[in-house]
Amino acid sequence: NLNADFDILQWAGVSFGEEELYRLQYSLAKLSVKCGSEKIRLWGKMYGTKADYYIAEGYVAAAVDDGEGEEKPKGFEDRGTGTNQFVYWVTNNALDEWAMLPD
């Protein structure tokens, strides 16, 4: 619940502001529908030198392996397991599309 997290952060003196919170809430709901995940949360915001980035963390079921594509390195964990349990998306504007980071 982004609102509950917002209240805790605001109490601690850290705040995105109400307008940005509503944009993020809408954007995360849209991302959840697009990727088919019911478990998405705002992981954080990173301040960069050229742009700031929002990072979302969620769970997406493992993709079906069609047998084609690049070979995975030895010890690679499939999506949904181990270190690849979660999927991460990034955007520098809550109103833009989110880009999924590679496994």
Protein backbone atom coordinates (compact mmCIF):
# COMPACT_ATOMS: atom_id res chain seq x y z
CA ASN A 1 0.00 0.00 0.00
CA LEU A 2 1.77 3.08 -1.27
CA ASN A 3 -0.34 5.43 0.87
CA ALA A 4 0.70 3.70 4.11
CA ASP A 5 4.35 3.77 3.05
CA PHE A 6 3.95 7.45 2.13
CA ASP A 7 2.58 8.25 5.60
CA ILE A 8 5.53 6.52 7.31
CA LEU A 9 8.07 8.27 5.09
CA GLN A 10 6.38 11.62 5.59
CA TRP A 11 6.48 11.10 9.37
CA ALA A 12 10.24 10.49 9.05
CA GLY A 13 10.68 13.71 7.08
CA VAL A 14 10.98 12.15 3.61
CA SER A 15 8.25 12.86 1.09
CA PHE A 16 7.52 12.61 -2.63
CA GLY A 17 4.65 15.07 -2.32
CA GLU A 18 0.99 14.23 -2.85
CA GLU A 19 0.93 14.92 -6.59
CA GLU A 20 3.92 12.68 -7.27
CA LEU A 21 2.42 9.99 -5.00
CA TYR A 22 -0.80 9.91 -7.03
CA ARG A 23 1.13 9.72 -10.32
CA LEU A 24 3.22 6.83 -8.96
CA GLN A 25 0.14 5.01 -7.66
CA TYR A 26 -1.56 5.27 -11.06
CA SER A 27 1.61 4.30 -12.90
CA LEU A 28 2.22 1.21 -10.73
CA ALA A 29 -1.40 0.09 -11.15
CA LYS A 30 -1.05 0.46 -14.93
CA LEU A 31 2.24 -1.49 -14.86
CA SER A 32 0.61 -4.25 -12.83
CA VAL A 33 -2.14 -4.69 -15.41
CA LYS A 34 0.29 -4.55 -18.34
CA CYS A 35 2.69 -7.19 -17.00
CA GLY A 36 0.05 -9.37 -15.33
CA SER A 37 1.52 -9.09 -11.83
CA GLU A 38 -0.53 -8.61 -8.69
CA LYS A 39 2.54 -7.99 -6.53
CA ILE A 40 4.27 -4.76 -7.51
CA ARG A 41 5.70 -2.18 -5.14
CA LEU A 42 7.77 0.96 -5.37
CA TRP A 43 11.31 -0.13 -4.52
CA GLY A 44 12.67 3.39 -4.43
CA LYS A 45 13.88 6.46 -6.22
CA MET A 46 17.48 6.94 -7.29
CA TYR A 47 18.78 10.42 -7.83
CA GLY A 48 21.04 10.56 -10.87
CA THR A 49 23.21 13.28 -12.34
CA LYS A 50 21.18 13.59 -15.56
CA ALA A 51 17.82 12.18 -14.44
CA ASP A 52 16.14 10.60 -11.43
CA TYR A 53 14.80 7.06 -11.68
CA TYR A 54 11.91 5.29 -10.02
CA ILE A 55 12.39 1.58 -9.46
CA ALA A 56 9.53 -0.90 -9.08
CA GLU A 57 9.87 -4.45 -7.81
CA GLY A 58 7.40 -7.22 -8.55
CA TYR A 59 6.80 -10.87 -9.16
CA VAL A 60 6.09 -12.15 -12.66
CA ALA A 61 5.66 -15.80 -13.52
CA ALA A 62 8.58 -17.40 -15.35
CA ALA A 63 8.56 -16.96 -19.11
CA VAL A 64 8.09 -20.06 -21.22
CA ASP A 65 11.43 -21.13 -22.72
CA ASP A 66 10.98 -21.70 -26.45
CA GLY A 67 14.42 -23.26 -26.77
CA GLU A 68 15.72 -20.41 -28.91
CA GLY A 69 17.66 -17.34 -27.93
CA GLU A 70 20.87 -16.83 -26.06
CA GLU A 71 22.41 -19.54 -23.97
CA LYS A 72 22.26 -18.93 -20.22
CA PRO A 73 25.48 -19.09 -18.21
CA LYS A 74 26.16 -21.99 -15.87
CA GLY A 75 24.35 -21.52 -12.57
CA PHE A 76 21.84 -19.03 -14.02
CA GLU A 77 18.64 -19.04 -11.97
CA ASP A 78 15.37 -18.86 -13.88
CA ARG A 79 12.93 -16.02 -13.29
CA GLY A 80 10.90 -16.55 -10.14
CA THR A 81 13.63 -18.48 -8.32
CA GLY A 82 16.63 -17.57 -6.17
CA THR A 83 18.23 -14.23 -6.96
CA ASN A 84 15.82 -13.80 -9.87
CA GLN A 85 12.75 -14.16 -7.65
CA PHE A 86 11.75 -10.59 -8.37
CA VAL A 87 11.63 -8.54 -11.56
CA TYR A 88 12.60 -4.87 -11.59
CA TRP A 89 11.33 -2.04 -13.78
CA VAL A 90 12.68 1.47 -14.11
CA THR A 91 11.40 4.80 -15.41
CA ASN A 92 12.49 8.39 -15.04
CA ASN A 93 8.95 9.76 -15.29
CA ALA A 94 5.95 8.19 -13.56
CA LEU A 95 3.81 9.09 -16.58
CA ASP A 96 6.08 7.26 -19.05
CA GLU A 97 6.39 3.55 -19.75
CA TRP A 98 8.38 1.31 -17.40
CA ALA A 99 11.33 -0.67 -18.79
CA MET A 100 11.90 -4.16 -17.41
CA LEU A 101 15.49 -4.77 -16.37
CA PRO A 102 17.08 -8.02 -17.60
CA ASP A 103 17.38 -11.09 -15.32
